[in-house]
Amino acid sequence: MEDVEDPVPERGEVLVRVEACGACHSDLHAMREHFVPLEEGHILGHEISGRVEGFGPDCRNPYGLSEGDPVIVSWIASCGVCDDCSRGDENLCRYLEMPGLTPGRQGGLAEFVAVPEHVVIPLPADLPLEEASVLSCAYGTSYNALRNRGRLRPGESIAVFGCGGVGLAAIQLATLFGASTIVGIDILERKLQWARELGATHVVDASKDDPVGLILEATDQRGVDLAIEAIPGPKLESSMEVVRRGGRLVVVGLHPMGSRVPLDMMGFSMYNLSLIACLGYSPRRDLPQLVSLVAAGRLDPGKLISRYYTWQAVNEAYRDLERGRVARAVIRIR
């Protein structure tokens, strides 16, 4: 821990007083420089909730925020005006920055963070700020993977490979969206138990059993309509085998830079499969939808959080995350 100067919001930015910040596997990738090198002293943390502290010059304030308002901060910090952003693909912004994950854009494991105003999303006053932090990554990413990229429809079946924070959020959302069969796959029993609690109809311990055989059995040998790969560095072998003919496979788990994955191209073509990438979400489109689900009482993000940590215990939080001891860890900054 060290003292640093408080950030000063630049043109079009909002200064947020951080209340809580979730610990995510992407932070572990960043620590190991699997994405891009980060300078010494870079501040991690991209699952941020807090309160508005102030505004930089020339803010248009699209959400009508005032100082003290509760907010979440998107880790997709797009420019908001380029061609990609204008058509709703803010996660593909050519000027994309990611708080805590990209050089020069500091994260939320600090008292304050400055970010573009359009990625600061208002929250209802009665929503617990600490719980809300996980909406900005685990739930936002899963929402986009299921609703927009995977186009999950009521009555369809889904298999989720990897029951970490994003995978478990996907299971919870799949239940909300009306999926009929929901299979969670992991190698740790505690994660499979969390999957059951969040709505999985079937679970598979891939350390003991063959996921392909059991998933096909659960779907009368048909395969699932949608598979989600939420494992860091997914191999895609099993998930490709359990998707039905004409089905969809959405890849959420990130690979280190330069990774390659072999594919059975004959099976891919003959079964008319759709292999779909999913990077985060579009904050102005997706995060307000998630906030509305929580405000209506249809989604409880607190169910995903296994433990809260003080800011002094931040290293313990990441150790527990890496060892699979928590579904989601949230660090209290205040």
Protein backbone atom coordinates (compact mmCIF):
# COMPACT_ATOMS: atom_id res chain seq x y z
CA MET A 1 0.00 0.00 0.00
CA GLU A 2 1.15 3.53 -0.67
CA ASP A 3 -0.21 7.05 -0.80
CA VAL A 4 -0.71 8.59 -4.23
CA GLU A 5 -2.14 11.89 -5.37
CA ASP A 6 -5.90 11.94 -5.83
CA PRO A 7 -6.87 11.88 -9.51
CA VAL A 8 -8.18 15.07 -11.07
CA PRO A 9 -11.04 14.50 -13.54
CA GLU A 10 -10.22 15.69 -17.02
CA ARG A 11 -12.57 17.05 -19.67
CA GLY A 12 -15.79 15.02 -19.71
CA GLU A 13 -14.81 12.88 -16.72
CA VAL A 14 -16.44 12.17 -13.37
CA LEU A 15 -14.55 11.68 -10.12
CA VAL A 16 -15.95 8.78 -8.10
CA ARG A 17 -15.30 8.14 -4.41
CA VAL A 18 -14.87 4.36 -4.36
CA GLU A 19 -16.88 2.37 -1.81
CA ALA A 20 -16.18 -1.17 -3.01
CA CYS A 21 -14.26 -3.01 -5.72
CA GLY A 22 -14.65 -6.64 -6.78
CA ALA A 23 -11.68 -8.94 -7.33
CA CYS A 24 -11.76 -10.54 -10.79
CA HIS A 25 -9.62 -13.14 -12.58
CA SER A 26 -8.81 -10.50 -15.19
CA ASP A 27 -6.86 -8.72 -12.46
CA LEU A 28 -4.75 -11.87 -12.05
CA HIS A 29 -4.13 -11.86 -15.81
CA ALA A 30 -3.08 -8.21 -15.57
CA MET A 31 -0.71 -8.92 -12.69
CA ARG A 32 1.06 -11.48 -14.87
CA GLU A 33 1.05 -9.16 -17.88
CA HIS A 34 -1.00 -11.57 -19.98
CA PHE A 35 -2.62 -8.56 -21.66
CA VAL A 36 -0.22 -5.63 -21.92
CA PRO A 37 2.65 -4.55 -19.65
CA LEU A 38 1.60 -2.22 -16.85
CA GLU A 39 3.94 0.28 -15.24
CA GLU A 40 5.04 -0.15 -11.66
CA GLY A 41 2.53 1.38 -9.29
CA HIS A 42 -0.43 0.87 -11.64
CA ILE A 43 -3.68 0.62 -9.66
CA LEU A 44 -5.78 -2.46 -10.41
CA GLY A 45 -9.51 -3.01 -9.83
CA HIS A 46 -12.28 -2.66 -12.40
CA GLU A 47 -15.48 -3.80 -10.63
CA ILE A 48 -16.26 -0.48 -8.99
CA SER A 49 -19.09 1.07 -7.03
CA GLY A 50 -19.10 4.37 -5.18
CA ARG A 51 -20.48 7.89 -5.05
CA VAL A 52 -20.02 10.88 -7.29
CA GLU A 53 -17.37 13.16 -5.83
CA GLY A 54 -17.10 15.77 -8.57
CA PHE A 55 -17.07 16.63 -12.27
CA GLY A 56 -14.36 17.62 -14.69
CA PRO A 57 -14.77 20.52 -17.14
CA ASP A 58 -17.31 20.36 -19.98
CA CYS A 59 -19.33 17.46 -18.55
CA ARG A 60 -22.70 17.05 -20.23
CA ASN A 61 -23.90 14.83 -17.37
CA PRO A 62 -26.12 12.52 -19.46
CA TYR A 63 -27.59 10.77 -16.40
CA GLY A 64 -28.28 13.93 -14.40
CA LEU A 65 -25.94 12.96 -11.59
CA SER A 66 -25.25 15.06 -8.52
CA GLU A 67 -22.45 14.88 -6.00
CA GLY A 68 -23.08 12.05 -3.54
CA ASP A 69 -25.19 9.96 -5.93
CA PRO A 70 -24.55 6.19 -5.82
CA VAL A 71 -23.08 4.76 -9.04
CA ILE A 72 -21.29 1.84 -10.61
CA VAL A 73 -18.38 2.32 -13.00
CA SER A 74 -18.09 0.32 -16.20
CA TRP A 75 -14.74 -1.31 -16.91
CA ILE A 76 -15.48 -0.69 -20.58
CA ALA A 77 -14.36 2.95 -20.76
CA SER A 78 -15.19 3.78 -24.35
CA CYS A 79 -14.90 7.17 -26.03
CA GLY A 80 -18.65 7.23 -26.62
CA VAL A 81 -18.52 9.00 -30.01
CA CYS A 82 -16.58 6.89 -32.57
CA ASP A 83 -18.35 4.79 -35.21
CA ASP A 84 -18.27 1.66 -33.02
CA CYS A 85 -19.70 3.48 -30.00
CA SER A 86 -22.34 5.21 -32.10
CA ARG A 87 -23.74 1.89 -33.31
CA GLY A 88 -23.82 0.48 -29.77
CA ASP A 89 -20.60 -1.52 -29.86
CA GLU A 90 -18.84 0.39 -27.11
CA ASN A 91 -16.76 -2.65 -26.18
CA LEU A 92 -15.20 -2.45 -29.65
CA CYS A 93 -14.33 1.24 -29.34
CA ARG A 94 -11.09 1.98 -31.19
CA TYR A 95 -10.05 4.21 -28.28
CA LEU A 96 -11.13 1.75 -25.58
CA GLU A 97 -9.59 1.99 -22.15
CA MET A 98 -10.20 -0.31 -19.20
CA PRO A 99 -9.85 1.08 -15.68
CA GLY A 100 -7.27 -0.99 -13.82
CA LEU A 101 -6.42 -3.12 -16.86
CA THR A 102 -4.86 -0.81 -19.46
CA PRO A 103 -1.86 1.49 -19.10
CA GLY A 104 -2.63 5.01 -17.97
CA ARG A 105 -6.17 4.29 -16.80
CA GLN A 106 -6.02 3.68 -13.05
CA GLY A 107 -8.44 1.33 -11.33
CA GLY A 108 -10.69 1.18 -8.31
CA LEU A 109 -8.44 -0.22 -5.60
CA ALA A 110 -8.05 3.34 -4.39
CA GLU A 111 -10.12 5.98 -2.66
CA PHE A 112 -10.94 7.81 -5.90
CA VAL A 113 -11.11 7.00 -9.60
CA ALA A 114 -11.69 9.34 -12.56
CA VAL A 115 -13.51 7.94 -15.60
CA PRO A 116 -15.48 9.16 -18.65
CA GLU A 117 -18.89 10.42 -17.60
CA HIS A 118 -20.92 8.11 -19.85
CA VAL A 119 -19.57 4.97 -18.13
CA VAL A 120 -20.73 6.11 -14.68
CA ILE A 121 -24.16 4.51 -14.26
CA PRO A 122 -26.61 5.68 -11.57
CA LEU A 123 -28.01 3.30 -8.96
CA PRO A 124 -31.21 3.38 -6.90
CA ALA A 125 -30.54 4.91 -3.50
CA ASP A 126 -31.70 1.77 -1.67
CA LEU A 127 -29.38 -0.67 -3.48
CA PRO A 128 -26.41 -1.71 -1.29
CA LEU A 129 -23.31 -0.21 -2.90
CA GLU A 130 -21.03 -3.09 -1.93
CA GLU A 131 -23.28 -5.62 -3.66
CA ALA A 132 -23.70 -3.41 -6.71
CA SER A 133 -19.98 -3.46 -7.54
CA VAL A 134 -20.22 -6.92 -9.12
CA LEU A 135 -22.79 -5.69 -11.65
CA SER A 136 -20.08 -3.84 -13.55
CA CYS A 137 -18.08 -6.93 -14.57
CA ALA A 138 -19.37 -10.37 -13.57
CA TYR A 139 -23.00 -9.62 -14.35
CA GLY A 140 -22.41 -7.16 -17.17
CA THR A 141 -20.23 -9.62 -19.07
CA SER A 142 -22.61 -12.53 -18.45
CA TYR A 143 -25.62 -10.45 -19.46
CA ASN A 144 -24.04 -9.58 -22.79
CA ALA A 145 -22.94 -13.20 -23.34
CA LEU A 146 -26.45 -14.56 -22.77
CA ARG A 147 -28.77 -11.83 -23.95
CA ASN A 148 -26.95 -10.20 -26.88
CA ARG A 149 -24.20 -12.52 -28.09
CA GLY A 150 -25.73 -15.90 -27.24
CA ARG A 151 -29.36 -14.80 -27.71
CA LEU A 152 -30.62 -17.24 -25.08
CA ARG A 153 -34.38 -17.77 -25.39
CA PRO A 154 -36.87 -19.11 -22.82
CA GLY A 155 -37.00 -22.90 -22.85
CA GLU A 156 -33.50 -23.34 -24.29
CA SER A 157 -30.70 -25.34 -22.69
CA ILE A 158 -27.30 -23.99 -21.67
CA ALA A 159 -23.99 -25.35 -20.43
CA VAL A 160 -21.62 -23.07 -18.52
CA PHE A 161 -17.98 -24.16 -18.44
CA GLY A 162 -16.28 -22.61 -15.42
CA CYS A 163 -18.23 -21.67 -12.30
CA GLY A 164 -16.24 -18.65 -11.22
CA GLY A 165 -17.76 -15.19 -10.88
CA VAL A 166 -18.76 -14.75 -14.53
CA GLY A 167 -19.91 -18.35 -14.95
CA LEU A 168 -22.03 -18.28 -11.79
CA ALA A 169 -23.57 -14.96 -12.79
CA ALA A 170 -24.41 -16.56 -16.16
CA ILE A 171 -26.16 -19.44 -14.38
CA GLN A 172 -28.18 -17.02 -12.25
CA LEU A 173 -29.15 -14.96 -15.31
CA ALA A 174 -29.99 -18.08 -17.34
CA THR A 175 -32.50 -18.99 -14.65
CA LEU A 176 -33.96 -15.49 -14.83
CA PHE A 177 -34.18 -15.67 -18.62
CA GLY A 178 -36.15 -18.93 -18.53
CA ALA A 179 -33.59 -21.55 -19.59
CA SER A 180 -34.96 -25.07 -19.15
CA THR A 181 -31.76 -27.03 -18.61
CA ILE A 182 -28.76 -25.32 -17.01
CA VAL A 183 -25.54 -27.33 -16.61
CA GLY A 184 -22.61 -26.00 -14.58
CA ILE A 185 -19.17 -27.56 -15.16
CA ASP A 186 -16.17 -27.11 -12.88
CA ILE A 187 -13.49 -29.11 -11.06
CA LEU A 188 -14.20 -27.85 -7.53
CA GLU A 189 -17.13 -29.17 -5.51
CA ARG A 190 -17.69 -25.88 -3.68
CA LYS A 191 -18.17 -24.09 -7.02
CA LEU A 192 -20.63 -26.74 -8.17
CA GLN A 193 -22.58 -26.24 -4.95
CA TRP A 194 -22.72 -22.50 -5.64
CA ALA A 195 -23.94 -23.33 -9.15
CA ARG A 196 -26.79 -25.41 -7.70
CA GLU A 197 -27.74 -22.60 -5.34
CA LEU A 198 -27.88 -20.11 -8.19
CA GLY A 199 -30.10 -22.24 -10.40
CA ALA A 200 -28.14 -24.99 -12.18
CA THR A 201 -30.36 -28.00 -12.87
CA HIS A 202 -27.32 -30.24 -13.40
CA VAL A 203 -23.66 -30.00 -12.41
CA VAL A 204 -20.61 -31.90 -13.65
CA ASP A 205 -17.36 -32.38 -11.75
CA ALA A 206 -14.94 -32.40 -14.69
CA SER A 207 -12.14 -33.68 -12.43
CA LYS A 208 -14.03 -36.96 -12.04
CA ASP A 209 -16.55 -37.29 -14.86
CA ASP A 210 -16.77 -36.78 -18.60
CA PRO A 211 -18.64 -33.52 -19.18
CA VAL A 212 -19.50 -34.38 -22.77
CA GLY A 213 -21.23 -37.65 -21.93
CA LEU A 214 -23.17 -36.25 -18.99
CA ILE A 215 -24.31 -33.13 -20.83
CA LEU A 216 -25.50 -35.17 -23.80
CA GLU A 217 -27.33 -37.46 -21.36
CA ALA A 218 -29.01 -34.45 -19.74
CA THR A 219 -30.22 -33.25 -23.16
CA ASP A 220 -31.35 -36.64 -24.58
CA GLN A 221 -28.20 -36.75 -26.75
CA ARG A 222 -29.26 -33.58 -28.54
CA GLY A 223 -26.73 -31.20 -27.02
CA VAL A 224 -27.32 -27.75 -25.57
CA ASP A 225 -28.60 -24.77 -27.50
CA LEU A 226 -25.94 -22.53 -26.00
CA ALA A 227 -22.58 -23.15 -24.33
CA ILE A 228 -20.66 -20.48 -22.42
CA GLU A 229 -16.89 -20.81 -22.01
CA ALA A 230 -16.08 -18.86 -18.86
CA ILE A 231 -12.81 -20.63 -18.03
CA PRO A 232 -9.64 -18.50 -18.34
CA GLY A 233 -7.76 -19.77 -21.40
CA PRO A 234 -10.51 -22.12 -22.65
CA LYS A 235 -9.52 -25.03 -24.93
CA LEU A 236 -13.02 -25.28 -26.51
CA GLU A 237 -12.77 -29.04 -27.07
CA SER A 238 -15.56 -30.19 -24.72
CA SER A 239 -17.77 -27.18 -25.28
CA MET A 240 -17.69 -27.69 -29.06
CA GLU A 241 -18.80 -31.30 -28.58
CA VAL A 242 -21.84 -30.53 -26.43
CA VAL A 243 -23.47 -27.85 -28.62
CA ARG A 244 -26.36 -29.11 -30.72
CA ARG A 245 -26.39 -28.88 -34.49
CA GLY A 246 -26.94 -25.23 -35.32
CA GLY A 247 -26.15 -24.22 -31.74
CA ARG A 248 -24.02 -21.40 -30.34
CA LEU A 249 -20.80 -21.30 -28.36
CA VAL A 250 -19.89 -18.00 -26.69
CA VAL A 251 -16.33 -17.53 -25.46
CA VAL A 252 -15.99 -15.21 -22.47
CA GLY A 253 -12.82 -16.52 -20.82
CA LEU A 254 -9.74 -14.57 -21.87
CA HIS A 255 -6.51 -16.05 -23.24
CA PRO A 256 -3.04 -14.61 -22.82
CA MET A 257 -1.89 -12.58 -25.81
CA GLY A 258 -0.79 -14.73 -28.75
CA SER A 259 -2.72 -17.86 -27.69
CA ARG A 260 -3.94 -20.30 -30.35
CA VAL A 261 -6.70 -22.91 -30.10
CA PRO A 262 -7.07 -25.86 -32.54
CA LEU A 263 -10.57 -26.46 -33.92
CA ASP A 264 -12.24 -29.41 -35.61
CA MET A 265 -13.23 -27.42 -38.66
CA MET A 266 -15.11 -30.30 -40.29
CA GLY A 267 -17.38 -30.71 -37.29
CA PHE A 268 -17.69 -26.94 -36.97
CA SER A 269 -18.89 -26.65 -40.57
CA MET A 270 -20.99 -29.81 -40.80
CA TYR A 271 -22.90 -29.00 -37.61
CA ASN A 272 -23.37 -25.36 -38.65
CA LEU A 273 -22.10 -24.10 -35.30
CA SER A 274 -21.72 -20.47 -34.32
CA LEU A 275 -18.52 -19.60 -32.44
CA ILE A 276 -18.99 -16.17 -30.87
CA ALA A 277 -16.58 -13.97 -28.94
CA CYS A 278 -17.77 -11.81 -26.09
CA LEU A 279 -15.68 -8.95 -24.71
CA GLY A 280 -17.46 -7.31 -21.79
CA TYR A 281 -20.56 -5.39 -22.81
CA SER A 282 -21.83 -2.00 -23.96
CA PRO A 283 -22.23 0.05 -20.77
CA ARG A 284 -24.93 2.46 -21.92
CA ARG A 285 -27.02 -0.40 -23.30
CA ASP A 286 -26.48 -3.21 -20.80
CA LEU A 287 -25.75 -1.81 -17.35
CA PRO A 288 -29.04 0.16 -17.03
CA GLN A 289 -30.88 -3.06 -17.91
CA LEU A 290 -29.10 -4.92 -15.12
CA VAL A 291 -29.76 -2.14 -12.64
CA SER A 292 -33.46 -2.29 -13.56
CA LEU A 293 -33.54 -6.04 -12.90
CA VAL A 294 -32.02 -5.51 -9.47
CA ALA A 295 -34.33 -2.59 -8.66
CA ALA A 296 -37.35 -4.74 -9.59
CA GLY A 297 -36.22 -7.47 -7.20
CA ARG A 298 -35.64 -9.99 -9.99
CA LEU A 299 -31.85 -10.22 -9.60
CA ASP A 300 -29.88 -10.39 -6.35
CA PRO A 301 -26.16 -9.70 -6.92
CA GLY A 302 -25.43 -10.32 -3.26
CA LYS A 303 -25.88 -14.06 -3.85
CA LEU A 304 -22.68 -14.11 -5.90
CA ILE A 305 -20.47 -12.60 -3.20
CA SER A 306 -18.79 -15.13 -0.91
CA ARG A 307 -16.85 -12.73 1.27
CA TYR A 308 -16.07 -9.06 1.87
CA TYR A 309 -12.51 -7.97 2.62
CA THR A 310 -11.03 -4.84 4.11
CA TRP A 311 -8.71 -2.90 1.85
CA GLN A 312 -5.80 -4.01 4.04
CA ALA A 313 -6.62 -7.64 3.09
CA VAL A 314 -6.59 -7.08 -0.68
CA ASN A 315 -3.80 -9.63 -1.24
CA GLU A 316 -5.75 -12.25 0.71
CA ALA A 317 -8.76 -11.59 -1.49
CA TYR A 318 -6.77 -12.32 -4.64
CA ARG A 319 -5.20 -15.43 -3.12
CA ASP A 320 -8.63 -16.76 -2.21
CA LEU A 321 -9.90 -15.96 -5.70
CA GLU A 322 -7.01 -17.78 -7.35
CA ARG A 323 -7.51 -20.84 -5.15
CA GLY A 324 -11.23 -21.03 -5.84
CA ARG A 325 -12.28 -20.25 -2.28
CA VAL A 326 -14.71 -17.51 -3.28
CA ALA A 327 -17.29 -17.07 -6.00
CA ARG A 328 -16.73 -13.34 -5.91
CA ALA A 329 -14.63 -11.36 -3.46
CA VAL A 330 -15.46 -7.73 -2.81
CA ILE A 331 -12.97 -5.35 -1.22
CA ARG A 332 -14.36 -2.58 0.95
CA ILE A 333 -12.46 0.62 0.25
CA ARG A 334 -14.34 2.64 2.89
